[in-house]
Amino acid sequence: MRKFWVFGGIGVGMVMCFLALLVVGTYSAAAGLAGSGGGGAVALAKGAVPARFQPLVQKWGNLCPAINPALLAAQLYQESGWNPRAQSHAAAQGIAQFIPGTWATHGIDGNGDGKRDVWDPADAIPSAASYDCELAGYVKKVPGDPTSNMLAAYNAGAYAVIKYGGVPPYKETQNYVKIIRSLEKSFARPVGRVAPSRQAAGAIYFAQKKLGTPYLWGGNGTPEQQGRFDCSGLTQAAYRTVGIDLPRVANDQYNAGPHPSRDELLPGDLVFFSDDLTNSRAIRHVGLYVGGGYMINAPFTGAVIRFDKIDTPDYFGATRVTKDGAAALPTDLPTG
């Protein structure tokens, strides 16, 4: 819930006309920007990795050519959601979710304190990177993309990758590789422009029909709730109408795609707000960008779904939602 807001203060008729142009313009922008981009070293997106872990992920994510910081971040987020005390039903432990047998063989003393502690991110994150690179070494002569082969080896074993000459035809393994490669894009700082979304106009169309609806904490828009929403309930419902299933919570929605910069925002982007601008897990509010520095959002109890400016001190960043990015988000993280 946001602590303060600056209401747009523009006439309803003018706003609706303006919004209609933006919705149409989304497709024009998509046509104009498609194919733009560029190469370069992989860096982490702003705040995507909690600040306390970012130096470790940045350092160890460059341990070998088969990995990069964004890929390592994607694995850690998929495994534990950045929870150093996470423990699964299968006895996997810590931020990197090593099972005891694997840790005994592959755990390293990352911080040089003389101990290998699976619960200490300073050991577990370096160990995850080291294990990835070890697997990459096993399959380095296999044809295809070295990173995808490494991930397949992580899931199915190096022998299966060697046997099949690449990612094996196992549905679980192929899905794991796709999930991590999709999440990788949500942790990487974009180089060049982010590809535009073609589902954005439909999400905006849904949200603009809800203007004036009273806010409800925890609201999902059900008949029992008189069609009312909170912030992330509104954005989730808007994207569901175009076939994209977002998580329910705003800070999880942040990882549903790549992150355009402020000056590259397009209608339909999700925009996020936080009191801690170094940590996406601290995000507490989300809106749907419509252009011109405005978003549609469900702001707080006592207010209605409305237009607000996004340029406030708590503006965190934005996500351009993709179907693959949303589908890659973990739904059953271990607790601890």
Protein backbone atom coordinates (compact mmCIF):
# COMPACT_ATOMS: atom_id res chain seq x y z
CA MET A 1 0.00 0.00 0.00
CA ARG A 2 1.49 3.34 -0.94
CA LYS A 3 2.01 5.97 1.74
CA PHE A 4 1.31 9.00 -0.45
CA TRP A 5 -0.06 9.77 -3.88
CA VAL A 6 -0.31 12.66 -6.26
CA PHE A 7 -3.64 12.45 -8.07
CA GLY A 8 -3.57 13.14 -11.77
CA GLY A 9 -6.21 15.87 -11.74
CA ILE A 10 -7.09 15.65 -15.45
CA GLY A 11 -10.60 15.57 -16.86
CA VAL A 12 -12.27 12.19 -17.29
CA GLY A 13 -13.23 12.79 -20.92
CA MET A 14 -9.73 13.91 -21.83
CA VAL A 15 -8.24 10.96 -19.96
CA MET A 16 -10.42 8.41 -21.76
CA CYS A 17 -9.53 9.89 -25.13
CA PHE A 18 -5.86 9.96 -24.18
CA LEU A 19 -6.03 6.37 -22.96
CA ALA A 20 -7.68 5.16 -26.15
CA LEU A 21 -4.82 6.63 -28.16
CA LEU A 22 -2.31 4.94 -25.88
CA VAL A 23 -3.97 1.55 -26.24
CA VAL A 24 -3.85 1.82 -30.02
CA GLY A 25 -0.35 3.22 -29.76
CA THR A 26 0.87 0.15 -27.91
CA TYR A 27 0.69 -1.83 -31.13
CA SER A 28 2.37 0.95 -33.11
CA ALA A 29 5.17 1.07 -30.57
CA ALA A 30 5.54 -2.69 -30.81
CA ALA A 31 5.98 -2.47 -34.56
CA GLY A 32 8.45 0.39 -34.28
CA LEU A 33 10.65 -1.13 -31.56
CA ALA A 34 10.65 -4.80 -32.51
CA GLY A 35 14.11 -6.02 -33.29
CA SER A 36 15.99 -3.24 -31.50
CA GLY A 37 18.58 -4.23 -28.93
CA GLY A 38 22.25 -4.97 -28.58
CA GLY A 39 24.89 -7.14 -27.04
CA GLY A 40 27.07 -6.69 -24.02
CA ALA A 41 28.09 -8.16 -20.68
CA VAL A 42 25.33 -9.41 -18.39
CA ALA A 43 24.64 -7.16 -15.41
CA LEU A 44 21.90 -7.45 -12.80
CA ALA A 45 18.70 -5.45 -13.06
CA LYS A 46 18.24 -2.74 -10.47
CA GLY A 47 17.17 -4.18 -7.14
CA ALA A 48 16.28 -7.60 -8.60
CA VAL A 49 18.71 -9.33 -6.26
CA PRO A 50 18.44 -8.29 -2.58
CA ALA A 51 21.30 -5.93 -1.77
CA ARG A 52 22.87 -8.26 0.80
CA PHE A 53 23.34 -10.98 -1.84
CA GLN A 54 24.10 -8.86 -4.90
CA PRO A 55 27.91 -8.70 -4.53
CA LEU A 56 28.07 -12.49 -4.14
CA VAL A 57 25.84 -13.12 -7.15
CA GLN A 58 27.73 -10.58 -9.28
CA LYS A 59 31.13 -12.02 -8.36
CA TRP A 60 30.39 -15.74 -8.52
CA GLY A 61 28.04 -15.44 -11.46
CA ASN A 62 31.12 -14.79 -13.59
CA LEU A 63 33.00 -17.89 -12.43
CA CYS A 64 32.90 -19.61 -15.83
CA PRO A 65 31.57 -18.85 -19.34
CA ALA A 66 28.50 -21.11 -18.99
CA ILE A 67 26.94 -18.94 -16.28
CA ASN A 68 26.35 -15.25 -15.65
CA PRO A 69 25.04 -13.27 -12.67
CA ALA A 70 21.45 -13.16 -13.96
CA LEU A 71 21.39 -16.91 -14.57
CA LEU A 72 22.76 -17.63 -11.09
CA ALA A 73 20.18 -15.25 -9.62
CA ALA A 74 17.41 -17.05 -11.52
CA GLN A 75 18.50 -20.39 -10.09
CA LEU A 76 18.67 -19.09 -6.53
CA TYR A 77 15.29 -17.39 -6.78
CA GLN A 78 13.71 -20.52 -8.27
CA GLU A 79 15.22 -22.68 -5.55
CA SER A 80 14.51 -20.62 -2.43
CA GLY A 81 13.09 -17.18 -3.19
CA TRP A 82 16.26 -15.74 -1.56
CA ASN A 83 15.50 -17.42 1.79
CA PRO A 84 18.79 -18.54 3.45
CA ARG A 85 16.84 -20.69 5.95
CA ALA A 86 14.71 -22.48 3.36
CA GLN A 87 14.29 -26.22 3.80
CA SER A 88 12.26 -28.41 1.47
CA HIS A 89 10.35 -31.62 2.18
CA ALA A 90 13.17 -33.44 0.37
CA ALA A 91 15.67 -32.06 2.94
CA ALA A 92 17.21 -29.56 0.50
CA GLN A 93 18.76 -26.77 2.54
CA GLY A 94 19.61 -23.11 2.37
CA ILE A 95 19.44 -20.41 -0.26
CA ALA A 96 20.77 -22.76 -2.97
CA GLN A 97 18.78 -25.82 -1.80
CA PHE A 98 21.59 -28.36 -1.64
CA ILE A 99 20.65 -31.81 -0.43
CA PRO A 100 23.11 -33.05 2.21
CA GLY A 101 24.83 -35.59 -0.07
CA THR A 102 25.44 -33.05 -2.82
CA TRP A 103 26.64 -30.46 -0.33
CA ALA A 104 29.12 -32.93 1.18
CA THR A 105 30.68 -33.42 -2.26
CA HIS A 106 30.29 -30.00 -3.87
CA GLY A 107 29.99 -27.45 -1.06
CA ILE A 108 32.91 -25.02 -0.84
CA ASP A 109 34.19 -22.55 1.74
CA GLY A 110 33.27 -19.47 -0.24
CA ASN A 111 34.16 -16.88 2.38
CA GLY A 112 37.39 -18.52 3.56
CA ASP A 113 36.43 -18.80 7.22
CA GLY A 114 37.43 -22.45 7.42
CA LYS A 115 33.84 -23.78 7.40
CA ARG A 116 31.49 -25.03 4.68
CA ASP A 117 28.07 -23.95 5.93
CA VAL A 118 25.07 -24.74 3.72
CA TRP A 119 23.01 -22.16 5.65
CA ASP A 120 25.49 -19.35 5.02
CA PRO A 121 24.88 -17.59 1.67
CA ALA A 122 28.56 -16.65 1.60
CA ASP A 123 29.28 -20.36 1.16
CA ALA A 124 26.10 -21.56 -0.53
CA ILE A 125 26.05 -19.02 -3.39
CA PRO A 126 29.69 -19.67 -4.37
CA SER A 127 28.98 -23.40 -4.10
CA ALA A 128 26.01 -23.12 -6.45
CA ALA A 129 28.16 -21.31 -9.02
CA SER A 130 31.02 -23.78 -8.59
CA TYR A 131 28.66 -26.73 -9.04
CA ASP A 132 27.20 -25.17 -12.20
CA CYS A 133 30.68 -24.72 -13.64
CA GLU A 134 31.64 -28.28 -12.73
CA LEU A 135 28.59 -29.59 -14.59
CA ALA A 136 29.40 -27.33 -17.53
CA GLY A 137 32.83 -28.93 -17.66
CA TYR A 138 31.32 -32.40 -17.84
CA VAL A 139 29.19 -31.50 -20.89
CA LYS A 140 31.50 -28.98 -22.59
CA LYS A 141 31.95 -31.16 -25.71
CA VAL A 142 28.20 -31.68 -26.21
CA PRO A 143 26.75 -29.74 -29.19
CA GLY A 144 24.32 -26.90 -28.57
CA ASP A 145 24.13 -24.04 -26.11
CA PRO A 146 26.60 -24.62 -23.23
CA THR A 147 24.36 -22.91 -20.66
CA SER A 148 21.26 -24.89 -21.58
CA ASN A 149 23.31 -28.09 -21.54
CA MET A 150 24.64 -27.20 -18.10
CA LEU A 151 21.12 -26.61 -16.78
CA ALA A 152 19.97 -29.88 -18.27
CA ALA A 153 22.85 -31.63 -16.54
CA TYR A 154 21.83 -29.96 -13.28
CA ASN A 155 18.33 -31.42 -13.64
CA ALA A 156 18.86 -34.77 -15.38
CA GLY A 157 22.55 -35.50 -14.90
CA ALA A 158 25.51 -35.04 -17.19
CA TYR A 159 25.24 -38.58 -18.58
CA ALA A 160 21.77 -37.90 -20.01
CA VAL A 161 23.00 -34.73 -21.75
CA ILE A 162 25.96 -36.58 -23.24
CA LYS A 163 23.78 -39.53 -24.28
CA TYR A 164 21.27 -37.36 -26.15
CA GLY A 165 23.79 -34.88 -27.51
CA GLY A 166 22.14 -31.92 -25.78
CA VAL A 167 19.09 -31.23 -23.63
CA PRO A 168 17.46 -34.67 -23.26
CA PRO A 169 13.84 -35.27 -24.34
CA TYR A 170 12.53 -35.31 -20.79
CA LYS A 171 9.60 -33.00 -20.23
CA GLU A 172 10.76 -32.10 -16.71
CA THR A 173 14.27 -31.26 -17.89
CA GLN A 174 13.15 -29.25 -20.89
CA ASN A 175 10.74 -27.32 -18.69
CA TYR A 176 13.47 -26.65 -16.11
CA VAL A 177 15.80 -25.25 -18.76
CA LYS A 178 13.02 -23.05 -20.17
CA ILE A 179 12.07 -21.77 -16.71
CA ILE A 180 15.60 -20.76 -15.73
CA ARG A 181 16.38 -19.18 -19.11
CA SER A 182 13.11 -17.19 -18.88
CA LEU A 183 13.81 -16.08 -15.30
CA GLU A 184 17.33 -15.13 -16.35
CA LYS A 185 15.82 -12.36 -18.49
CA SER A 186 13.97 -10.93 -15.49
CA PHE A 187 17.20 -10.64 -13.46
CA ALA A 188 19.37 -9.20 -16.24
CA ARG A 189 19.75 -5.50 -16.83
CA PRO A 190 18.55 -4.99 -20.41
CA VAL A 191 21.06 -4.05 -23.08
CA GLY A 192 19.22 -1.92 -25.60
CA ARG A 193 15.45 -1.68 -25.75
CA VAL A 194 13.19 -4.33 -24.25
CA ALA A 195 10.92 -5.99 -26.81
CA PRO A 196 7.40 -4.54 -26.57
CA SER A 197 4.39 -6.51 -25.34
CA ARG A 198 1.50 -7.30 -27.67
CA GLN A 199 -0.79 -8.25 -24.76
CA ALA A 200 -0.50 -4.84 -23.10
CA ALA A 201 -3.46 -3.19 -24.81
CA GLY A 202 -5.85 -5.87 -23.60
CA ALA A 203 -4.62 -5.52 -20.01
CA ILE A 204 -5.13 -1.74 -20.16
CA TYR A 205 -8.61 -2.19 -21.63
CA PHE A 206 -9.60 -4.30 -18.62
CA ALA A 207 -8.10 -1.91 -16.07
CA GLN A 208 -9.68 1.22 -17.55
CA LYS A 209 -13.12 -0.38 -17.24
CA LYS A 210 -12.50 -0.64 -13.49
CA LEU A 211 -11.82 3.09 -12.98
CA GLY A 212 -13.88 4.40 -10.08
CA THR A 213 -14.23 0.99 -8.37
CA PRO A 214 -13.57 1.19 -4.60
CA TYR A 215 -10.34 -0.35 -3.34
CA LEU A 216 -10.44 -3.53 -1.24
CA TRP A 217 -7.43 -4.93 0.61
CA GLY A 218 -6.99 -8.49 -0.66
CA GLY A 219 -9.57 -7.87 -3.38
CA ASN A 220 -9.58 -10.18 -6.39
CA GLY A 221 -12.65 -8.71 -8.09
CA THR A 222 -14.98 -11.59 -7.20
CA PRO A 223 -18.78 -11.13 -7.02
CA GLU A 224 -18.58 -11.64 -3.25
CA GLN A 225 -16.19 -8.67 -3.13
CA GLN A 226 -18.44 -6.53 -5.37
CA GLY A 227 -15.78 -6.60 -8.08
CA ARG A 228 -13.26 -4.72 -5.94
CA PHE A 229 -9.47 -5.08 -6.09
CA ASP A 230 -6.26 -4.20 -4.34
CA CYS A 231 -3.19 -3.19 -6.36
CA SER A 232 -1.80 -6.58 -7.31
CA GLY A 233 -5.26 -8.12 -7.60
CA LEU A 234 -6.05 -5.56 -10.32
CA THR A 235 -2.86 -6.16 -12.31
CA GLN A 236 -3.25 -9.93 -11.97
CA ALA A 237 -6.83 -9.78 -13.25
CA ALA A 238 -5.89 -7.43 -16.10
CA TYR A 239 -3.23 -9.76 -17.45
CA ARG A 240 -5.37 -12.84 -16.91
CA THR A 241 -7.75 -11.47 -19.55
CA VAL A 242 -4.96 -11.76 -22.12
CA GLY A 243 -3.90 -15.27 -21.12
CA ILE A 244 -1.05 -14.43 -18.73
CA ASP A 245 -1.19 -15.72 -15.15
CA LEU A 246 0.70 -13.45 -12.78
CA PRO A 247 1.42 -14.26 -9.13
CA ARG A 248 -0.87 -12.68 -6.57
CA VAL A 249 1.74 -10.59 -4.73
CA ALA A 250 3.30 -7.42 -6.14
CA ASN A 251 6.92 -8.29 -5.34
CA ASP A 252 6.58 -11.60 -7.20
CA GLN A 253 5.01 -9.87 -10.19
CA TYR A 254 8.24 -7.87 -10.56
CA ASN A 255 10.02 -10.97 -11.88
CA ALA A 256 7.47 -11.68 -14.64
CA GLY A 257 9.62 -10.28 -17.44
CA PRO A 258 12.50 -7.92 -18.31
CA HIS A 259 12.81 -4.43 -16.87
CA PRO A 260 12.64 -1.37 -19.15
CA SER A 261 14.18 1.85 -17.90
CA ARG A 262 12.02 4.81 -16.92
CA ASP A 263 12.49 6.53 -20.28
CA GLU A 264 11.59 3.34 -22.20
CA LEU A 265 8.25 2.64 -20.53
CA LEU A 266 5.36 1.60 -22.74
CA PRO A 267 1.63 1.32 -21.95
CA GLY A 268 0.95 -1.97 -20.23
CA ASP A 269 4.21 -2.14 -18.28
CA LEU A 270 3.84 -2.89 -14.59
CA VAL A 271 5.32 -0.15 -12.39
CA PHE A 272 6.43 -0.83 -8.83
CA PHE A 273 6.98 1.14 -5.62
CA SER A 274 8.98 0.38 -2.48
CA ASP A 275 10.51 1.91 0.62
CA ASP A 276 13.74 -0.03 -0.12
CA LEU A 277 14.98 0.75 -3.62
CA THR A 278 17.70 -1.91 -3.41
CA ASN A 279 15.47 -4.96 -2.94
CA SER A 280 12.62 -6.16 -5.13
CA ARG A 281 11.39 -8.38 -2.29
CA ALA A 282 10.42 -5.19 -0.41
CA ILE A 283 8.07 -3.95 -3.16
CA ARG A 284 4.67 -3.04 -1.70
CA HIS A 285 2.67 -1.50 -4.57
CA VAL A 286 2.11 -2.03 -8.29
CA GLY A 287 0.22 -0.21 -11.03
CA LEU A 288 -0.38 -0.51 -14.77
CA TYR A 289 1.41 2.14 -16.82
CA VAL A 290 -0.72 3.93 -19.43
CA GLY A 291 1.74 6.54 -20.71
CA GLY A 292 2.49 10.19 -20.11
CA GLY A 293 3.85 9.48 -16.63
CA TYR A 294 0.53 8.01 -15.39
CA MET A 295 -0.67 4.61 -14.27
CA ILE A 296 -4.01 3.01 -13.43
CA ASN A 297 -3.85 1.60 -9.91
CA ALA A 298 -5.85 0.57 -6.87
CA PRO A 299 -4.06 2.77 -4.32
CA PHE A 300 -5.34 2.26 -0.76
CA THR A 301 -8.37 1.78 1.48
CA GLY A 302 -10.87 4.58 1.04
CA ALA A 303 -9.74 5.40 -2.50
CA VAL A 304 -10.97 4.14 -5.87
CA ILE A 305 -9.15 2.68 -8.85
CA ARG A 306 -7.80 5.76 -10.58
CA PHE A 307 -4.96 7.44 -12.49
CA ASP A 308 -1.88 8.47 -10.52
CA LYS A 309 1.54 9.78 -11.45
CA ILE A 310 4.39 7.30 -11.22
CA ASP A 311 7.19 9.79 -10.61
CA THR A 312 7.33 9.73 -6.83
CA PRO A 313 10.31 9.09 -4.50
CA ASP A 314 9.25 5.48 -3.93
CA TYR A 315 9.23 4.53 -7.63
CA PHE A 316 11.22 1.28 -7.83
CA GLY A 317 11.12 0.23 -11.48
CA ALA A 318 9.07 -1.53 -14.12
CA THR A 319 8.47 -4.92 -15.70
CA ARG A 320 7.39 -5.68 -19.24
CA VAL A 321 5.31 -8.79 -18.64
CA THR A 322 5.88 -11.83 -20.85
CA LYS A 323 3.96 -15.07 -20.91
CA ASP A 324 7.12 -17.13 -20.47
CA GLY A 325 8.38 -14.86 -17.71
CA ALA A 326 5.16 -15.17 -15.73
CA ALA A 327 5.00 -18.93 -16.27
CA ALA A 328 8.57 -19.34 -14.97
CA LEU A 329 7.89 -17.87 -11.55
CA PRO A 330 8.05 -20.37 -8.66
CA THR A 331 4.73 -21.22 -7.03
CA ASP A 332 5.78 -23.56 -4.20
CA LEU A 333 8.91 -22.22 -2.54
CA PRO A 334 10.31 -24.05 0.50
CA THR A 335 9.81 -22.46 3.90
CA GLY A 336 12.15 -21.85 6.79
